[in-house]
């Protein structure tokens, strides 16, 4: 039996504590025909540095956690982080 993972909720729970402009957080899922699922994360431009972190370490940690959750269900997760 395959457990369903709410990836949007997972990503949101990882990012929300990092940002000040909570109302500007948007996460959109773009499933593809292969095993990849792309998530577009949009945050306020003032928060982009907090989400990416020094040398991308925070963003890489978020991606690692999401990738680990996806690998249990044989899904490959990609996360693009951008600001507006």
PDB file of N, CA and C in Angstrom:
ATOM      1  N   UNK A   1       0.841  -1.186   0.000  1.00  0.00           N
ATOM      2  CA  UNK A   1       0.000   0.000   0.000  1.00  0.00           C
ATOM      3  C   UNK A   1       0.882   1.243   0.000  1.00  0.00           C
ATOM      4  N   UNK A   2       0.575   2.160  -0.889  1.00  0.00           N
ATOM      5  CA  UNK A   2       1.382   3.361  -1.048  1.00  0.00           C
ATOM      6  C   UNK A   2       0.774   4.504  -0.237  1.00  0.00           C
ATOM      7  N   UNK A   3       1.559   5.076   0.646  1.00  0.00           N
ATOM      8  CA  UNK A   3       1.078   6.203   1.447  1.00  0.00           C
ATOM      9  C   UNK A   3       1.150   7.470   0.605  1.00  0.00           C
ATOM     10  N   UNK A   4       0.080   8.229   0.645  1.00  0.00           N
ATOM     11  CA  UNK A   4       0.044   9.468  -0.122  1.00  0.00           C
ATOM     12  C   UNK A   4       0.691  10.590   0.684  1.00  0.00           C
ATOM     13  N   UNK A   5       1.582  11.314   0.035  1.00  0.00           N
ATOM     14  CA  UNK A   5       2.279  12.411   0.698  1.00  0.00           C
ATOM     15  C   UNK A   5       1.760  13.714   0.115  1.00  0.00           C
ATOM     16  N   UNK A   6       1.400  14.647   0.988  1.00  0.00           N
ATOM     17  CA  UNK A   6       1.003  15.967   0.530  1.00  0.00           C
ATOM     18  C   UNK A   6       2.277  16.808   0.451  1.00  0.00           C
ATOM     19  N   UNK A   7       2.874  16.837  -0.733  1.00  0.00           N
ATOM     20  CA  UNK A   7       4.155  17.519  -0.912  1.00  0.00           C
ATOM     21  C   UNK A   7       4.025  19.028  -0.733  1.00  0.00           C
ATOM     22  N   UNK A   8       2.902  19.590  -1.161  1.00  0.00           N
ATOM     23  CA  UNK A   8       2.714  21.039  -1.013  1.00  0.00           C
ATOM     24  C   UNK A   8       2.700  21.404   0.468  1.00  0.00           C
ATOM     25  N   UNK A   9       1.996  20.624   1.264  1.00  0.00           N
ATOM     26  CA  UNK A   9       1.951  20.873   2.708  1.00  0.00           C
ATOM     27  C   UNK A   9       3.334  20.710   3.336  1.00  0.00           C
ATOM     28  N   UNK A  10       4.066  19.693   2.910  1.00  0.00           N
ATOM     29  CA  UNK A  10       5.418  19.469   3.417  1.00  0.00           C
ATOM     30  C   UNK A  10       6.318  20.660   3.113  1.00  0.00           C
ATOM     31  N   UNK A  11       6.322  21.101   1.852  1.00  0.00           N
ATOM     32  CA  UNK A  11       7.165  22.228   1.451  1.00  0.00           C
ATOM     33  C   UNK A  11       6.743  23.504   2.184  1.00  0.00           C
ATOM     34  N   UNK A  12       5.432  23.701   2.290  1.00  0.00           N
ATOM     35  CA  UNK A  12       4.924  24.885   2.999  1.00  0.00           C
ATOM     36  C   UNK A  12       5.380  24.884   4.455  1.00  0.00           C
ATOM     37  N   UNK A  13       5.309  23.739   5.120  1.00  0.00           N
ATOM     38  CA  UNK A  13       5.726  23.645   6.523  1.00  0.00           C
ATOM     39  C   UNK A  13       7.222  23.881   6.701  1.00  0.00           C
ATOM     40  N   UNK A  14       8.016  23.599   5.669  1.00  0.00           N
ATOM     41  CA  UNK A  14       9.450  23.852   5.747  1.00  0.00           C
ATOM     42  C   UNK A  14       9.773  25.326   5.507  1.00  0.00           C
ATOM     43  N   UNK A  15       9.007  25.987   4.654  1.00  0.00           N
ATOM     44  CA  UNK A  15       9.326  27.358   4.255  1.00  0.00           C
ATOM     45  C   UNK A  15       8.662  28.408   5.142  1.00  0.00           C
ATOM     46  N   UNK A  16       7.425  28.156   5.558  1.00  0.00           N
ATOM     47  CA  UNK A  16       6.662  29.174   6.294  1.00  0.00           C
ATOM     48  C   UNK A  16       7.399  29.751   7.511  1.00  0.00           C
ATOM     49  N   UNK A  17       8.097  28.951   8.328  1.00  0.00           N
ATOM     50  CA  UNK A  17       8.804  29.549   9.486  1.00  0.00           C
ATOM     51  C   UNK A  17       9.954  30.478   9.096  1.00  0.00           C
ATOM     52  N   UNK A  18      10.416  30.393   7.858  1.00  0.00           N
ATOM     53  CA  UNK A  18      11.571  31.180   7.425  1.00  0.00           C
ATOM     54  C   UNK A  18      11.193  32.579   6.936  1.00  0.00           C
ATOM     55  N   UNK A  19       9.941  32.773   6.565  1.00  0.00           N
ATOM     56  CA  UNK A  19       9.579  34.007   5.864  1.00  0.00           C
ATOM     57  C   UNK A  19       8.762  34.951   6.738  1.00  0.00           C
ATOM     58  N   UNK A  20       8.841  36.242   6.418  1.00  0.00           N
ATOM     59  CA  UNK A  20       8.077  37.252   7.142  1.00  0.00           C
ATOM     60  C   UNK A  20       6.750  37.561   6.464  1.00  0.00           C
ATOM     61  N   UNK A  21       6.715  37.496   5.146  1.00  0.00           N
ATOM     62  CA  UNK A  21       5.497  37.820   4.391  1.00  0.00           C
ATOM     63  C   UNK A  21       4.734  36.523   4.095  1.00  0.00           C
ATOM     64  N   UNK A  22       4.068  36.003   5.132  1.00  0.00           N
ATOM     65  CA  UNK A  22       3.371  34.722   5.044  1.00  0.00           C
ATOM     66  C   UNK A  22       2.325  34.707   3.927  1.00  0.00           C
ATOM     67  N   UNK A  23       1.640  35.838   3.754  1.00  0.00           N
ATOM     68  CA  UNK A  23       0.535  35.905   2.786  1.00  0.00           C
ATOM     69  C   UNK A  23       1.022  35.799   1.339  1.00  0.00           C
ATOM     70  N   UNK A  24       2.313  35.999   1.098  1.00  0.00           N
ATOM     71  CA  UNK A  24       2.844  35.968  -0.268  1.00  0.00           C
ATOM     72  C   UNK A  24       3.356  34.594  -0.696  1.00  0.00           C
ATOM     73  N   UNK A  25       3.344  33.619   0.206  1.00  0.00           N
ATOM     74  CA  UNK A  25       3.843  32.282  -0.136  1.00  0.00           C
ATOM     75  C   UNK A  25       2.861  31.581  -1.074  1.00  0.00           C
ATOM     76  N   UNK A  26       3.370  31.141  -2.217  1.00  0.00           N
ATOM     77  CA  UNK A  26       2.577  30.386  -3.188  1.00  0.00           C
ATOM     78  C   UNK A  26       3.383  29.165  -3.616  1.00  0.00           C
ATOM     79  N   UNK A  27       2.728  28.012  -3.605  1.00  0.00           N
ATOM     80  CA  UNK A  27       3.376  26.776  -4.050  1.00  0.00           C
ATOM     81  C   UNK A  27       2.451  26.136  -5.074  1.00  0.00           C
ATOM     82  N   UNK A  28       2.986  25.902  -6.254  1.00  0.00           N
ATOM     83  CA  UNK A  28       2.197  25.323  -7.340  1.00  0.00           C
ATOM     84  C   UNK A  28       2.858  24.038  -7.808  1.00  0.00           C
ATOM     85  N   UNK A  29       2.048  23.030  -8.033  1.00  0.00           N
ATOM     86  CA  UNK A  29       2.549  21.725  -8.463  1.00  0.00           C
ATOM     87  C   UNK A  29       2.358  21.558  -9.962  1.00  0.00           C
ATOM     88  N   UNK A  30       3.410  21.091 -10.625  1.00  0.00           N
ATOM     89  CA  UNK A  30       3.361  20.807 -12.052  1.00  0.00           C
ATOM     90  C   UNK A  30       3.753  19.351 -12.269  1.00  0.00           C
ATOM     91  N   UNK A  31       2.792  18.430 -12.216  1.00  0.00           N
ATOM     92  CA  UNK A  31       3.131  17.026 -12.451  1.00  0.00           C
ATOM     93  C   UNK A  31       3.500  16.817 -13.918  1.00  0.00           C
ATOM     94  N   UNK A  32       4.423  15.912 -14.162  1.00  0.00           N
ATOM     95  CA  UNK A  32       4.815  15.621 -15.536  1.00  0.00           C
ATOM     96  C   UNK A  32       4.517  14.163 -15.832  1.00  0.00           C
ATOM     97  N   UNK A  33       4.687  13.797 -17.091  1.00  0.00           N
ATOM     98  CA  UNK A  33       4.339  12.433 -17.479  1.00  0.00           C
ATOM     99  C   UNK A  33       5.352  11.408 -16.973  1.00  0.00           C
ATOM    100  N   UNK A  34       6.583  11.832 -16.720  1.00  0.00           N
ATOM    101  CA  UNK A  34       7.551  10.880 -16.156  1.00  0.00           C
ATOM    102  C   UNK A  34       7.466  10.907 -14.622  1.00  0.00           C
ATOM    103  N   UNK A  35       8.493  10.431 -13.966  1.00  0.00           N
ATOM    104  CA  UNK A  35       8.428  10.300 -12.500  1.00  0.00           C
ATOM    105  C   UNK A  35       8.698  11.605 -11.751  1.00  0.00           C
ATOM    106  N   UNK A  36       8.931  12.704 -12.485  1.00  0.00           N
ATOM    107  CA  UNK A  36       9.237  13.980 -11.832  1.00  0.00           C
ATOM    108  C   UNK A  36       7.981  14.754 -11.475  1.00  0.00           C
ATOM    109  N   UNK A  37       8.038  15.453 -10.350  1.00  0.00           N
ATOM    110  CA  UNK A  37       7.013  16.425  -9.987  1.00  0.00           C
ATOM    111  C   UNK A  37       7.755  17.726  -9.708  1.00  0.00           C
ATOM    112  N   UNK A  38       7.360  18.780 -10.392  1.00  0.00           N
ATOM    113  CA  UNK A  38       7.985  20.088 -10.210  1.00  0.00           C
ATOM    114  C   UNK A  38       7.094  20.946  -9.330  1.00  0.00           C
ATOM    115  N   UNK A  39       7.716  21.597  -8.346  1.00  0.00           N
ATOM    116  CA  UNK A  39       7.001  22.548  -7.497  1.00  0.00           C
ATOM    117  C   UNK A  39       7.618  23.924  -7.688  1.00  0.00           C
ATOM    118  N   UNK A  40       6.783  24.892  -7.992  1.00  0.00           N
ATOM    119  CA  UNK A  40       7.214  26.280  -8.122  1.00  0.00           C
ATOM    120  C   UNK A  40       6.850  26.976  -6.815  1.00  0.00           C
ATOM    121  N   UNK A  41       7.857  27.465  -6.103  1.00  0.00           N
ATOM    122  CA  UNK A  41       7.643  28.173  -4.837  1.00  0.00           C
ATOM    123  C   UNK A  41       7.900  29.651  -5.079  1.00  0.00           C
ATOM    124  N   UNK A  42       6.901  30.470  -4.774  1.00  0.00           N
ATOM    125  CA  UNK A  42       7.026  31.914  -4.927  1.00  0.00           C
ATOM    126  C   UNK A  42       6.929  32.557  -3.545  1.00  0.00           C
ATOM    127  N   UNK A  43       7.887  33.430  -3.253  1.00  0.00           N
ATOM    128  CA  UNK A  43       7.882  34.170  -1.989  1.00  0.00           C
ATOM    129  C   UNK A  43       8.095  35.650  -2.293  1.00  0.00           C
ATOM    130  N   UNK A  44       7.816  36.478  -1.317  1.00  0.00           N
ATOM    131  CA  UNK A  44       8.066  37.910  -1.442  1.00  0.00           C
ATOM    132  C   UNK A  44       9.558  38.132  -1.673  1.00  0.00           C
ATOM    133  N   UNK A  45       9.893  39.140  -2.481  1.00  0.00           N
ATOM    134  CA  UNK A  45      11.311  39.370  -2.802  1.00  0.00           C
ATOM    135  C   UNK A  45      12.148  39.652  -1.564  1.00  0.00           C
ATOM    136  N   UNK A  46      11.524  40.156  -0.496  1.00  0.00           N
ATOM    137  CA  UNK A  46      12.266  40.400   0.748  1.00  0.00           C
ATOM    138  C   UNK A  46      12.602  39.100   1.480  1.00  0.00           C
ATOM    139  N   UNK A  47      11.903  38.020   1.159  1.00  0.00           N
ATOM    140  CA  UNK A  47      12.117  36.738   1.839  1.00  0.00           C
ATOM    141  C   UNK A  47      12.997  35.764   1.066  1.00  0.00           C
ATOM    142  N   UNK A  48      13.298  36.075  -0.187  1.00  0.00           N
ATOM    143  CA  UNK A  48      14.009  35.103  -1.031  1.00  0.00           C
ATOM    144  C   UNK A  48      15.371  34.714  -0.432  1.00  0.00           C
ATOM    145  N   UNK A  49      16.068  35.666   0.167  1.00  0.00           N
ATOM    146  CA  UNK A  49      17.364  35.369   0.782  1.00  0.00           C
ATOM    147  C   UNK A  49      17.244  34.415   1.951  1.00  0.00           C
ATOM    148  N   UNK A  50      16.163  34.540   2.720  1.00  0.00           N
ATOM    149  CA  UNK A  50      15.953  33.651   3.870  1.00  0.00           C
ATOM    150  C   UNK A  50      15.679  32.218   3.413  1.00  0.00           C
ATOM    151  N   UNK A  51      14.945  32.084   2.315  1.00  0.00           N
ATOM    152  CA  UNK A  51      14.569  30.755   1.832  1.00  0.00           C
ATOM    153  C   UNK A  51      15.751  30.065   1.149  1.00  0.00           C
ATOM    154  N   UNK A  52      16.553  30.836   0.417  1.00  0.00           N
ATOM    155  CA  UNK A  52      17.699  30.244  -0.275  1.00  0.00           C
ATOM    156  C   UNK A  52      18.870  30.027   0.680  1.00  0.00           C
ATOM    157  N   UNK A  53      19.127  30.985   1.560  1.00  0.00           N
ATOM    158  CA  UNK A  53      20.191  30.840   2.548  1.00  0.00           C
ATOM    159  C   UNK A  53      21.565  31.095   1.951  1.00  0.00           C
ATOM    160  N   UNK A  54      22.556  31.152   2.815  1.00  0.00           N
ATOM    161  CA  UNK A  54      23.933  31.374   2.367  1.00  0.00           C
ATOM    162  C   UNK A  54      24.383  30.214   1.495  1.00  0.00           C
ATOM    163  N   UNK A  55      24.880  30.551   0.318  1.00  0.00           N
ATOM    164  CA  UNK A  55      25.365  29.562  -0.654  1.00  0.00           C
ATOM    165  C   UNK A  55      24.301  28.504  -0.984  1.00  0.00           C
ATOM    166  N   UNK A  56      23.030  28.871  -0.834  1.00  0.00           N
ATOM    167  CA  UNK A  56      21.941  27.962  -1.193  1.00  0.00           C
ATOM    168  C   UNK A  56      21.714  26.824  -0.225  1.00  0.00           C
ATOM    169  N   UNK A  57      22.304  26.912   0.970  1.00  0.00           N
ATOM    170  CA  UNK A  57      22.228  25.777   1.904  1.00  0.00           C
ATOM    171  C   UNK A  57      20.810  25.512   2.402  1.00  0.00           C
ATOM    172  N   UNK A  58      20.036  26.563   2.670  1.00  0.00           N
ATOM    173  CA  UNK A  58      18.668  26.362   3.154  1.00  0.00           C
ATOM    174  C   UNK A  58      17.808  25.741   2.057  1.00  0.00           C
ATOM    175  N   UNK A  59      17.914  26.281   0.834  1.00  0.00           N
ATOM    176  CA  UNK A  59      17.151  25.730  -0.288  1.00  0.00           C
ATOM    177  C   UNK A  59      17.531  24.271  -0.533  1.00  0.00           C
ATOM    178  N   UNK A  60      18.807  23.956  -0.451  1.00  0.00           N
ATOM    179  CA  UNK A  60      19.247  22.570  -0.653  1.00  0.00           C
ATOM    180  C   UNK A  60      18.697  21.651   0.433  1.00  0.00           C
ATOM    181  N   UNK A  61      18.613  22.140   1.670  1.00  0.00           N
ATOM    182  CA  UNK A  61      18.057  21.326   2.755  1.00  0.00           C
ATOM    183  C   UNK A  61      16.576  21.056   2.511  1.00  0.00           C
ATOM    184  N   UNK A  62      15.841  22.081   2.069  1.00  0.00           N
ATOM    185  CA  UNK A  62      14.417  21.912   1.753  1.00  0.00           C
ATOM    186  C   UNK A  62      14.258  20.883   0.632  1.00  0.00           C
ATOM    187  N   UNK A  63      15.081  21.004  -0.398  1.00  0.00           N
ATOM    188  CA  UNK A  63      15.016  20.062  -1.524  1.00  0.00           C
ATOM    189  C   UNK A  63      15.345  18.635  -1.076  1.00  0.00           C
ATOM    190  N   UNK A  64      16.327  18.491  -0.195  1.00  0.00           N
ATOM    191  CA  UNK A  64      16.732  17.164   0.284  1.00  0.00           C
ATOM    192  C   UNK A  64      15.589  16.483   1.034  1.00  0.00           C
ATOM    193  N   UNK A  65      14.914  17.235   1.903  1.00  0.00           N
ATOM    194  CA  UNK A  65      13.797  16.668   2.671  1.00  0.00           C
ATOM    195  C   UNK A  65      12.665  16.260   1.739  1.00  0.00           C
ATOM    196  N   UNK A  66      12.316  17.142   0.790  1.00  0.00           N
ATOM    197  CA  UNK A  66      11.232  16.832  -0.153  1.00  0.00           C
ATOM    198  C   UNK A  66      11.614  15.645  -1.042  1.00  0.00           C
ATOM    199  N   UNK A  67      12.864  15.602  -1.483  1.00  0.00           N
ATOM    200  CA  UNK A  67      13.335  14.498  -2.325  1.00  0.00           C
ATOM    201  C   UNK A  67      13.262  13.179  -1.560  1.00  0.00           C
ATOM    202  N   UNK A  68      13.624  13.211  -0.281  1.00  0.00           N
ATOM    203  CA  UNK A  68      13.566  11.994   0.546  1.00  0.00           C
ATOM    204  C   UNK A  68      12.123  11.518   0.694  1.00  0.00           C
ATOM    205  N   UNK A  69      11.201  12.447   0.891  1.00  0.00           N
ATOM    206  CA  UNK A  69       9.786  12.075   1.005  1.00  0.00           C
ATOM    207  C   UNK A  69       9.291  11.483  -0.311  1.00  0.00           C
ATOM    208  N   UNK A  70       9.720  12.055  -1.417  1.00  0.00           N
ATOM    209  CA  UNK A  70       9.295  11.557  -2.717  1.00  0.00           C
ATOM    210  C   UNK A  70       9.892  10.209  -3.059  1.00  0.00           C
ATOM    211  N   UNK A  71      11.116   9.972  -2.636  1.00  0.00           N
ATOM    212  CA  UNK A  71      11.784   8.724  -3.006  1.00  0.00           C
ATOM    213  C   UNK A  71      11.097   7.510  -2.385  1.00  0.00           C
ATOM    214  N   UNK A  72      10.406   7.690  -1.268  1.00  0.00           N
ATOM    215  CA  UNK A  72       9.657   6.586  -0.670  1.00  0.00           C
ATOM    216  C   UNK A  72       8.541   6.123  -1.597  1.00  0.00           C
ATOM    217  N   UNK A  73       8.008   7.072  -2.405  1.00  0.00           N
ATOM    218  CA  UNK A  73       6.923   6.755  -3.334  1.00  0.00           C
ATOM    219  C   UNK A  73       7.404   6.708  -4.780  1.00  0.00           C
ATOM    220  N   UNK A  74       8.715   6.569  -4.958  1.00  0.00           N
ATOM    221  CA  UNK A  74       9.322   6.504  -6.287  1.00  0.00           C
ATOM    222  C   UNK A  74       8.992   7.724  -7.144  1.00  0.00           C
ATOM    223  N   UNK A  75       8.956   8.885  -6.512  1.00  0.00           N
ATOM    224  CA  UNK A  75       8.748  10.157  -7.210  1.00  0.00           C
ATOM    225  C   UNK A  75      10.009  10.987  -7.058  1.00  0.00           C
ATOM    226  N   UNK A  76      10.360  11.705  -8.112  1.00  0.00           N
ATOM    227  CA  UNK A  76      11.490  12.626  -8.034  1.00  0.00           C
ATOM    228  C   UNK A  76      10.918  14.031  -7.943  1.00  0.00           C
ATOM    229  N   UNK A  77      11.329  14.733  -6.919  1.00  0.00           N
ATOM    230  CA  UNK A  77      10.794  16.059  -6.632  1.00  0.00           C
ATOM    231  C   UNK A  77      11.814  17.113  -7.075  1.00  0.00           C
ATOM    232  N   UNK A  78      11.322  18.110  -7.781  1.00  0.00           N
ATOM    233  CA  UNK A  78      12.145  19.280  -8.116  1.00  0.00           C
ATOM    234  C   UNK A  78      11.439  20.500  -7.565  1.00  0.00           C
ATOM    235  N   UNK A  79      12.221  21.392  -6.960  1.00  0.00           N
ATOM    236  CA  UNK A  79      11.659  22.613  -6.394  1.00  0.00           C
ATOM    237  C   UNK A  79      12.384  23.815  -6.992  1.00  0.00           C
ATOM    238  N   UNK A  80      11.628  24.691  -7.623  1.00  0.00           N
ATOM    239  CA  UNK A  80      12.150  25.969  -8.101  1.00  0.00           C
ATOM    240  C   UNK A  80      11.667  27.049  -7.140  1.00  0.00           C
ATOM    241  N   UNK A  81      12.585  27.869  -6.665  1.00  0.00           N
ATOM    242  CA  UNK A  81      12.239  28.937  -5.726  1.00  0.00           C
ATOM    243  C   UNK A  81      12.470  30.266  -6.413  1.00  0.00           C
ATOM    244  N   UNK A  82      11.459  31.123  -6.369  1.00  0.00           N
ATOM    245  CA  UNK A  82      11.551  32.419  -7.024  1.00  0.00           C
ATOM    246  C   UNK A  82      10.813  33.452  -6.172  1.00  0.00           C
ATOM    247  N   UNK A  83      10.972  34.718  -6.543  1.00  0.00           N
ATOM    248  CA  UNK A  83      10.316  35.783  -5.791  1.00  0.00           C
ATOM    249  C   UNK A  83       9.522  36.659  -6.736  1.00  0.00           C
ATOM    250  N   UNK A  84       8.605  37.427  -6.151  1.00  0.00           N
ATOM    251  CA  UNK A  84       7.851  38.411  -6.928  1.00  0.00           C
ATOM    252  C   UNK A  84       7.600  39.636  -6.082  1.00  0.00           C
TER     253      UNK A  84
END
